[in-house]
Amino acid sequence: MMLMVSVQDLEEAKQAVIGRADIVDVKNLQETLIGANFPPVIKQVREAFPKEIHVSVTLGAVPNQVGTVALAVYGAAMLNATSVKVGFVNTDYKTALDILVESKKAIEGTNTKLIAATFADSHLYGGLDPKSVISLAKESKSDGMLIDTLTKDGRNLFDFMDENTLKSMVDEGKELMMSTALSGSLKIGDFDELVRINPDIVGVRGAACSDGDRYGGKIASSAVRRLKDELERRISGELDVYA
């Protein structure tokens, strides 16, 4: 199970890597609910680390414009992103599928992986059913799936989807040979449930900041290291997540 830390600039990325994050996820918290960062920032972060450090790019909740999104996905691939995440909120299923299909075509021949993303709380925004991410990823031949949240008011992933539902979805994703990732205001207190669910990737932001503030705070290597250590204690069985 890999630890993914969302960062906004090179300095935060360095802190995440020092803290032993497996993936640095470049995004822009100042743009919409979860926005894409600028190409020079992504380029700077990618070039700062060896290929063993995964650098993912978040496009956020994308517009219902197939060509625009496909071009953005292509841009992420040209910046040598390890993966690029395309999320859907106010999108119907067919449009979301068309976007993913064309995005997959756009990065053929590159090493960048396409990740389909939905949001556990999308019903609050009149959005797509988060459970549709499995079929979207399967039909579009995406390389993986992510379930995140848009709400940042103290509630997290488990306030919107229960452990059994998430476990079932992760298991199905793995059976389809796609990577599985869960995120959404997750903290150490959620790690027992997460390890029982067993996604390939766990994503964090606020819990990796020195003061726990995802917007005003900065990623701190000490906070990342603690998250990584606590995750490994549970994965190894040192802490029994079934107790």
C-alpha atoms as a PDB file:
ATOM      1  CA  MET A   1       0.000   0.000   0.000  1.00  0.00           C
ATOM      2  CA  MET A   2       1.485   3.308  -1.136  1.00  0.00           C
ATOM      3  CA  LEU A   3       1.182   6.701   0.552  1.00  0.00           C
ATOM      4  CA  MET A   4       0.250   9.578  -1.757  1.00  0.00           C
ATOM      5  CA  VAL A   5       0.688  13.150  -0.520  1.00  0.00           C
ATOM      6  CA  SER A   6      -0.915  16.094  -2.326  1.00  0.00           C
ATOM      7  CA  VAL A   7       1.492  18.990  -2.870  1.00  0.00           C
ATOM      8  CA  GLN A   8       1.254  22.452  -4.387  1.00  0.00           C
ATOM      9  CA  ASP A   9       4.890  23.260  -5.152  1.00  0.00           C
ATOM     10  CA  LEU A  10       8.432  21.880  -5.229  1.00  0.00           C
ATOM     11  CA  GLU A  11       9.200  22.658  -1.587  1.00  0.00           C
ATOM     12  CA  GLU A  12       6.146  20.702  -0.424  1.00  0.00           C
ATOM     13  CA  ALA A  13       7.111  17.855  -2.758  1.00  0.00           C
ATOM     14  CA  LYS A  14      10.582  17.723  -1.196  1.00  0.00           C
ATOM     15  CA  GLN A  15       9.067  17.572   2.278  1.00  0.00           C
ATOM     16  CA  ALA A  16       6.785  14.731   1.198  1.00  0.00           C
ATOM     17  CA  VAL A  17       9.674  12.722  -0.262  1.00  0.00           C
ATOM     18  CA  ILE A  18      11.870  13.308   2.804  1.00  0.00           C
ATOM     19  CA  GLY A  19       8.967  11.943   4.865  1.00  0.00           C
ATOM     20  CA  ARG A  20       8.968   8.795   2.655  1.00  0.00           C
ATOM     21  CA  ALA A  21       5.850   9.432   0.580  1.00  0.00           C
ATOM     22  CA  ASP A  22       5.628   7.022  -2.349  1.00  0.00           C
ATOM     23  CA  ILE A  23       3.696   9.409  -4.594  1.00  0.00           C
ATOM     24  CA  VAL A  24       3.617  13.195  -4.777  1.00  0.00           C
ATOM     25  CA  ASP A  25       0.338  14.381  -6.265  1.00  0.00           C
ATOM     26  CA  VAL A  26       0.611  17.848  -7.779  1.00  0.00           C
ATOM     27  CA  LYS A  27      -2.565  19.915  -7.558  1.00  0.00           C
ATOM     28  CA  ASN A  28      -3.751  23.492  -7.067  1.00  0.00           C
ATOM     29  CA  LEU A  29      -6.028  24.109  -4.091  1.00  0.00           C
ATOM     30  CA  GLN A  30      -6.652  27.710  -5.100  1.00  0.00           C
ATOM     31  CA  GLU A  31      -8.424  26.752  -8.317  1.00  0.00           C
ATOM     32  CA  THR A  32     -12.039  25.548  -7.961  1.00  0.00           C
ATOM     33  CA  LEU A  33     -12.660  22.708  -5.507  1.00  0.00           C
ATOM     34  CA  ILE A  34      -9.627  20.678  -6.618  1.00  0.00           C
ATOM     35  CA  GLY A  35      -7.745  22.262  -9.485  1.00  0.00           C
ATOM     36  CA  ALA A  36      -4.837  21.530 -11.789  1.00  0.00           C
ATOM     37  CA  ASN A  37      -1.481  23.144 -11.190  1.00  0.00           C
ATOM     38  CA  PHE A  38       0.566  25.027 -13.782  1.00  0.00           C
ATOM     39  CA  PRO A  39       2.823  23.172 -16.233  1.00  0.00           C
ATOM     40  CA  PRO A  40       6.083  24.807 -14.963  1.00  0.00           C
ATOM     41  CA  VAL A  41       5.317  23.633 -11.414  1.00  0.00           C
ATOM     42  CA  ILE A  42       4.603  20.075 -12.576  1.00  0.00           C
ATOM     43  CA  LYS A  43       7.769  20.088 -14.702  1.00  0.00           C
ATOM     44  CA  GLN A  44       9.834  21.357 -11.793  1.00  0.00           C
ATOM     45  CA  VAL A  45       8.539  18.662  -9.436  1.00  0.00           C
ATOM     46  CA  ARG A  46       8.972  15.847 -11.973  1.00  0.00           C
ATOM     47  CA  GLU A  47      12.547  16.836 -12.775  1.00  0.00           C
ATOM     48  CA  ALA A  48      13.504  17.053  -9.088  1.00  0.00           C
ATOM     49  CA  PHE A  49      13.079  13.333  -8.393  1.00  0.00           C
ATOM     50  CA  PRO A  50      14.069   9.998  -9.944  1.00  0.00           C
ATOM     51  CA  LYS A  51      11.433   7.938 -11.749  1.00  0.00           C
ATOM     52  CA  GLU A  52      11.060   5.702  -8.682  1.00  0.00           C
ATOM     53  CA  ILE A  53       9.222   8.586  -7.011  1.00  0.00           C
ATOM     54  CA  HIS A  54       5.810   8.705  -8.613  1.00  0.00           C
ATOM     55  CA  VAL A  55       4.636  12.181  -9.609  1.00  0.00           C
ATOM     56  CA  SER A  56       0.916  12.246 -10.303  1.00  0.00           C
ATOM     57  CA  VAL A  57      -1.059  15.146 -11.721  1.00  0.00           C
ATOM     58  CA  THR A  58      -4.587  16.041 -10.667  1.00  0.00           C
ATOM     59  CA  LEU A  59      -6.882  17.668 -13.199  1.00  0.00           C
ATOM     60  CA  GLY A  60      -9.642  17.924 -10.604  1.00  0.00           C
ATOM     61  CA  ALA A  61     -13.319  17.925 -11.514  1.00  0.00           C
ATOM     62  CA  VAL A  62     -13.031  18.385 -15.248  1.00  0.00           C
ATOM     63  CA  PRO A  63     -15.415  20.288 -17.561  1.00  0.00           C
ATOM     64  CA  ASN A  64     -17.738  18.420 -19.904  1.00  0.00           C
ATOM     65  CA  GLN A  65     -15.466  19.123 -22.870  1.00  0.00           C
ATOM     66  CA  VAL A  66     -13.940  15.991 -24.346  1.00  0.00           C
ATOM     67  CA  GLY A  67     -11.239  17.640 -26.468  1.00  0.00           C
ATOM     68  CA  THR A  68     -10.185  20.087 -23.767  1.00  0.00           C
ATOM     69  CA  VAL A  69      -9.686  17.338 -21.196  1.00  0.00           C
ATOM     70  CA  ALA A  70      -7.924  15.027 -23.653  1.00  0.00           C
ATOM     71  CA  LEU A  71      -5.489  17.836 -24.452  1.00  0.00           C
ATOM     72  CA  ALA A  72      -4.845  18.462 -20.733  1.00  0.00           C
ATOM     73  CA  VAL A  73      -4.200  14.743 -20.210  1.00  0.00           C
ATOM     74  CA  TYR A  74      -1.789  14.777 -23.160  1.00  0.00           C
ATOM     75  CA  GLY A  75      -0.015  17.761 -21.581  1.00  0.00           C
ATOM     76  CA  ALA A  76       0.468  15.831 -18.330  1.00  0.00           C
ATOM     77  CA  ALA A  77       1.979  12.948 -20.289  1.00  0.00           C
ATOM     78  CA  MET A  78       4.369  15.314 -22.098  1.00  0.00           C
ATOM     79  CA  LEU A  79       5.503  16.511 -18.670  1.00  0.00           C
ATOM     80  CA  ASN A  80       6.312  12.860 -17.846  1.00  0.00           C
ATOM     81  CA  ALA A  81       3.720  12.535 -15.106  1.00  0.00           C
ATOM     82  CA  THR A  82       3.535   9.012 -13.700  1.00  0.00           C
ATOM     83  CA  SER A  83      -0.241   9.265 -13.740  1.00  0.00           C
ATOM     84  CA  VAL A  84      -2.979  11.791 -14.427  1.00  0.00           C
ATOM     85  CA  LYS A  85      -6.302  11.812 -12.578  1.00  0.00           C
ATOM     86  CA  VAL A  86      -9.519  12.863 -14.298  1.00  0.00           C
ATOM     87  CA  GLY A  87     -12.430  13.475 -11.912  1.00  0.00           C
ATOM     88  CA  PHE A  88     -16.128  13.895 -12.595  1.00  0.00           C
ATOM     89  CA  VAL A  89     -18.887  15.693 -10.728  1.00  0.00           C
ATOM     90  CA  ASN A  90     -21.595  17.357 -12.853  1.00  0.00           C
ATOM     91  CA  THR A  91     -21.151  14.964 -15.736  1.00  0.00           C
ATOM     92  CA  ASP A  92     -23.450  12.320 -17.181  1.00  0.00           C
ATOM     93  CA  TYR A  93     -22.085   8.813 -17.600  1.00  0.00           C
ATOM     94  CA  LYS A  94     -21.757   8.913 -21.395  1.00  0.00           C
ATOM     95  CA  THR A  95     -19.834  12.189 -21.375  1.00  0.00           C
ATOM     96  CA  ALA A  96     -17.515  10.920 -18.633  1.00  0.00           C
ATOM     97  CA  LEU A  97     -16.866   7.762 -20.630  1.00  0.00           C
ATOM     98  CA  ASP A  98     -16.201   9.724 -23.832  1.00  0.00           C
ATOM     99  CA  ILE A  99     -13.711  11.927 -21.960  1.00  0.00           C
ATOM    100  CA  LEU A 100     -11.834   8.930 -20.559  1.00  0.00           C
ATOM    101  CA  VAL A 101     -11.787   7.081 -23.892  1.00  0.00           C
ATOM    102  CA  GLU A 102     -10.322  10.081 -25.715  1.00  0.00           C
ATOM    103  CA  SER A 103      -7.923  10.775 -22.846  1.00  0.00           C
ATOM    104  CA  LYS A 104      -6.644   7.208 -23.046  1.00  0.00           C
ATOM    105  CA  LYS A 105      -6.089   7.614 -26.788  1.00  0.00           C
ATOM    106  CA  ALA A 106      -4.246  10.882 -26.166  1.00  0.00           C
ATOM    107  CA  ILE A 107      -1.543   9.204 -24.079  1.00  0.00           C
ATOM    108  CA  GLU A 108      -1.017   6.076 -26.150  1.00  0.00           C
ATOM    109  CA  GLY A 109       2.684   5.397 -26.520  1.00  0.00           C
ATOM    110  CA  THR A 110       3.603   7.202 -23.286  1.00  0.00           C
ATOM    111  CA  ASN A 111       4.348   5.805 -19.828  1.00  0.00           C
ATOM    112  CA  THR A 112       1.680   7.935 -18.144  1.00  0.00           C
ATOM    113  CA  LYS A 113      -1.224   6.081 -16.550  1.00  0.00           C
ATOM    114  CA  LEU A 114      -4.818   7.316 -16.729  1.00  0.00           C
ATOM    115  CA  ILE A 115      -6.813   7.300 -13.494  1.00  0.00           C
ATOM    116  CA  ALA A 116     -10.606   7.686 -13.448  1.00  0.00           C
ATOM    117  CA  ALA A 117     -11.849   9.527 -10.365  1.00  0.00           C
ATOM    118  CA  THR A 118     -15.210  10.115  -8.731  1.00  0.00           C
ATOM    119  CA  PHE A 119     -16.208  11.735  -5.452  1.00  0.00           C
ATOM    120  CA  ALA A 120     -17.945   9.972  -2.575  1.00  0.00           C
ATOM    121  CA  ASP A 121     -19.916  13.146  -1.795  1.00  0.00           C
ATOM    122  CA  SER A 122     -20.810  14.017  -5.390  1.00  0.00           C
ATOM    123  CA  HIS A 123     -24.536  13.829  -4.606  1.00  0.00           C
ATOM    124  CA  LEU A 124     -24.121  17.091  -2.683  1.00  0.00           C
ATOM    125  CA  TYR A 125     -23.117  18.737  -5.953  1.00  0.00           C
ATOM    126  CA  GLY A 126     -25.643  17.007  -8.207  1.00  0.00           C
ATOM    127  CA  GLY A 127     -22.890  14.778  -9.443  1.00  0.00           C
ATOM    128  CA  LEU A 128     -22.154  11.361 -10.843  1.00  0.00           C
ATOM    129  CA  ASP A 129     -22.714   8.246  -8.725  1.00  0.00           C
ATOM    130  CA  PRO A 130     -19.265   7.469  -7.246  1.00  0.00           C
ATOM    131  CA  LYS A 131     -19.861   3.737  -7.699  1.00  0.00           C
ATOM    132  CA  SER A 132     -19.792   4.287 -11.469  1.00  0.00           C
ATOM    133  CA  VAL A 133     -16.012   4.741 -11.347  1.00  0.00           C
ATOM    134  CA  ILE A 134     -15.460   0.995 -11.716  1.00  0.00           C
ATOM    135  CA  SER A 135     -17.434   0.656 -14.940  1.00  0.00           C
ATOM    136  CA  LEU A 136     -16.053   3.945 -16.267  1.00  0.00           C
ATOM    137  CA  ALA A 137     -12.489   2.772 -15.733  1.00  0.00           C
ATOM    138  CA  LYS A 138     -13.232  -0.670 -17.158  1.00  0.00           C
ATOM    139  CA  GLU A 139     -15.012   0.548 -20.305  1.00  0.00           C
ATOM    140  CA  SER A 140     -12.406   3.209 -21.043  1.00  0.00           C
ATOM    141  CA  LYS A 141      -9.489   0.862 -20.311  1.00  0.00           C
ATOM    142  CA  SER A 142      -8.154   3.308 -17.736  1.00  0.00           C
ATOM    143  CA  ASP A 143      -5.243   2.115 -15.625  1.00  0.00           C
ATOM    144  CA  GLY A 144      -6.797   2.813 -12.264  1.00  0.00           C
ATOM    145  CA  MET A 145      -9.536   4.403 -10.210  1.00  0.00           C
ATOM    146  CA  LEU A 146      -9.705   6.880  -7.334  1.00  0.00           C
ATOM    147  CA  ILE A 147     -12.509   7.769  -4.935  1.00  0.00           C
ATOM    148  CA  ASP A 148     -12.025  11.147  -3.231  1.00  0.00           C
ATOM    149  CA  THR A 149     -14.200  13.819  -1.602  1.00  0.00           C
ATOM    150  CA  LEU A 150     -14.895  17.428  -2.484  1.00  0.00           C
ATOM    151  CA  THR A 151     -16.300  18.429   0.912  1.00  0.00           C
ATOM    152  CA  LYS A 152     -13.631  19.846   3.221  1.00  0.00           C
ATOM    153  CA  ASP A 153     -15.656  20.738   6.306  1.00  0.00           C
ATOM    154  CA  GLY A 154     -14.405  18.130   8.775  1.00  0.00           C
ATOM    155  CA  ARG A 155     -16.193  15.192   7.185  1.00  0.00           C
ATOM    156  CA  ASN A 156     -14.170  12.608   5.315  1.00  0.00           C
ATOM    157  CA  LEU A 157     -14.495   9.667   2.936  1.00  0.00           C
ATOM    158  CA  PHE A 158     -16.098   7.393   5.532  1.00  0.00           C
ATOM    159  CA  ASP A 159     -18.847   9.917   6.253  1.00  0.00           C
ATOM    160  CA  PHE A 160     -20.122   9.348   2.718  1.00  0.00           C
ATOM    161  CA  MET A 161     -19.275   5.721   1.915  1.00  0.00           C
ATOM    162  CA  ASP A 162     -19.014   2.837   4.352  1.00  0.00           C
ATOM    163  CA  GLU A 163     -16.174   0.381   4.717  1.00  0.00           C
ATOM    164  CA  ASN A 164     -17.997  -2.569   3.153  1.00  0.00           C
ATOM    165  CA  THR A 165     -18.958  -0.610   0.049  1.00  0.00           C
ATOM    166  CA  LEU A 166     -15.427   0.671  -0.424  1.00  0.00           C
ATOM    167  CA  LYS A 167     -13.961  -2.788   0.197  1.00  0.00           C
ATOM    168  CA  SER A 168     -16.217  -4.283  -2.459  1.00  0.00           C
ATOM    169  CA  MET A 169     -15.223  -1.604  -4.964  1.00  0.00           C
ATOM    170  CA  VAL A 170     -11.514  -1.963  -4.275  1.00  0.00           C
ATOM    171  CA  ASP A 171     -11.714  -5.739  -4.590  1.00  0.00           C
ATOM    172  CA  GLU A 172     -13.536  -5.416  -7.912  1.00  0.00           C
ATOM    173  CA  GLY A 173     -10.962  -2.941  -9.171  1.00  0.00           C
ATOM    174  CA  LYS A 174      -8.132  -5.298  -8.301  1.00  0.00           C
ATOM    175  CA  GLU A 175      -9.869  -8.181 -10.045  1.00  0.00           C
ATOM    176  CA  LEU A 176      -9.926  -6.000 -13.154  1.00  0.00           C
ATOM    177  CA  MET A 177      -6.157  -5.446 -12.762  1.00  0.00           C
ATOM    178  CA  MET A 178      -6.433  -1.709 -12.172  1.00  0.00           C
ATOM    179  CA  SER A 179      -4.804   0.323  -9.418  1.00  0.00           C
ATOM    180  CA  THR A 180      -7.121   1.402  -6.605  1.00  0.00           C
ATOM    181  CA  ALA A 181      -6.834   4.578  -4.555  1.00  0.00           C
ATOM    182  CA  LEU A 182      -8.818   6.158  -1.727  1.00  0.00           C
ATOM    183  CA  SER A 183      -8.561   9.720  -0.478  1.00  0.00           C
ATOM    184  CA  GLY A 184     -10.683  12.387   1.157  1.00  0.00           C
ATOM    185  CA  SER A 185      -9.562  14.117   4.391  1.00  0.00           C
ATOM    186  CA  LEU A 186      -8.092  10.880   5.728  1.00  0.00           C
ATOM    187  CA  LYS A 187      -6.186  10.749   9.025  1.00  0.00           C
ATOM    188  CA  ILE A 188      -4.311   8.181  11.102  1.00  0.00           C
ATOM    189  CA  GLY A 189      -7.589   7.367  12.859  1.00  0.00           C
ATOM    190  CA  ASP A 190      -8.873   5.989   9.555  1.00  0.00           C
ATOM    191  CA  PHE A 191      -5.899   3.717   8.914  1.00  0.00           C
ATOM    192  CA  ASP A 192      -7.403   0.587  10.502  1.00  0.00           C
ATOM    193  CA  GLU A 193     -10.358   0.747   8.105  1.00  0.00           C
ATOM    194  CA  LEU A 194      -8.115   1.575   5.161  1.00  0.00           C
ATOM    195  CA  VAL A 195      -5.824  -1.382   5.761  1.00  0.00           C
ATOM    196  CA  ARG A 196      -8.840  -3.675   6.053  1.00  0.00           C
ATOM    197  CA  ILE A 197     -10.112  -2.320   2.719  1.00  0.00           C
ATOM    198  CA  ASN A 198      -6.590  -2.641   1.256  1.00  0.00           C
ATOM    199  CA  PRO A 199      -6.448  -0.143  -1.634  1.00  0.00           C
ATOM    200  CA  ASP A 200      -3.174   0.142  -3.502  1.00  0.00           C
ATOM    201  CA  ILE A 201      -2.882   3.838  -2.646  1.00  0.00           C
ATOM    202  CA  VAL A 202      -3.970   6.020   0.290  1.00  0.00           C
ATOM    203  CA  GLY A 203      -4.043   9.764  -0.376  1.00  0.00           C
ATOM    204  CA  VAL A 204      -3.650  12.553   2.199  1.00  0.00           C
ATOM    205  CA  ARG A 205      -3.157  16.305   2.390  1.00  0.00           C
ATOM    206  CA  GLY A 206      -4.305  17.936   5.641  1.00  0.00           C
ATOM    207  CA  ALA A 207      -2.903  15.140   7.818  1.00  0.00           C
ATOM    208  CA  ALA A 208       0.490  15.683   6.159  1.00  0.00           C
ATOM    209  CA  CYS A 209       0.579  19.404   7.023  1.00  0.00           C
ATOM    210  CA  SER A 210       2.362  20.555  10.162  1.00  0.00           C
ATOM    211  CA  ASP A 211      -0.793  22.192  11.556  1.00  0.00           C
ATOM    212  CA  GLY A 212      -3.356  19.942   9.885  1.00  0.00           C
ATOM    213  CA  ASP A 213      -4.623  22.798   7.692  1.00  0.00           C
ATOM    214  CA  ARG A 214      -4.858  21.564   4.088  1.00  0.00           C
ATOM    215  CA  TYR A 215      -5.241  25.098   2.700  1.00  0.00           C
ATOM    216  CA  GLY A 216      -3.211  27.403   4.927  1.00  0.00           C
ATOM    217  CA  GLY A 217      -0.666  24.860   6.100  1.00  0.00           C
ATOM    218  CA  LYS A 218       2.387  23.391   4.420  1.00  0.00           C
ATOM    219  CA  ILE A 219       3.442  19.764   3.987  1.00  0.00           C
ATOM    220  CA  ALA A 220       5.908  18.783   6.731  1.00  0.00           C
ATOM    221  CA  SER A 221       8.273  15.819   6.449  1.00  0.00           C
ATOM    222  CA  SER A 222       7.710  14.933  10.120  1.00  0.00           C
ATOM    223  CA  ALA A 223       3.944  14.640   9.600  1.00  0.00           C
ATOM    224  CA  VAL A 224       4.413  12.583   6.433  1.00  0.00           C
ATOM    225  CA  ARG A 225       6.886  10.278   8.173  1.00  0.00           C
ATOM    226  CA  ARG A 226       4.439   9.663  11.008  1.00  0.00           C
ATOM    227  CA  LEU A 227       1.686   8.802   8.527  1.00  0.00           C
ATOM    228  CA  LYS A 228       4.001   6.420   6.682  1.00  0.00           C
ATOM    229  CA  ASP A 229       5.146   4.769   9.923  1.00  0.00           C
ATOM    230  CA  GLU A 230       1.605   4.308  11.217  1.00  0.00           C
ATOM    231  CA  LEU A 231       0.495   2.844   7.903  1.00  0.00           C
ATOM    232  CA  GLU A 232       3.399   0.395   7.882  1.00  0.00           C
ATOM    233  CA  ARG A 233       2.714  -0.681  11.481  1.00  0.00           C
ATOM    234  CA  ARG A 234      -0.751  -1.772  10.417  1.00  0.00           C
ATOM    235  CA  ILE A 235       0.294  -3.354   7.143  1.00  0.00           C
ATOM    236  CA  SER A 236       2.986  -5.407   8.920  1.00  0.00           C
ATOM    237  CA  GLY A 237       0.555  -6.622  11.576  1.00  0.00           C
ATOM    238  CA  GLU A 238       2.353  -4.848  14.424  1.00  0.00           C
ATOM    239  CA  LEU A 239      -1.000  -3.201  15.051  1.00  0.00           C
ATOM    240  CA  ASP A 240      -3.944  -5.539  14.570  1.00  0.00           C
ATOM    241  CA  VAL A 241      -6.513  -3.725  12.433  1.00  0.00           C
ATOM    242  CA  TYR A 242      -9.080  -6.451  13.189  1.00  0.00           C
ATOM    243  CA  ALA A 243      -8.754  -6.214  16.986  1.00  0.00           C
END
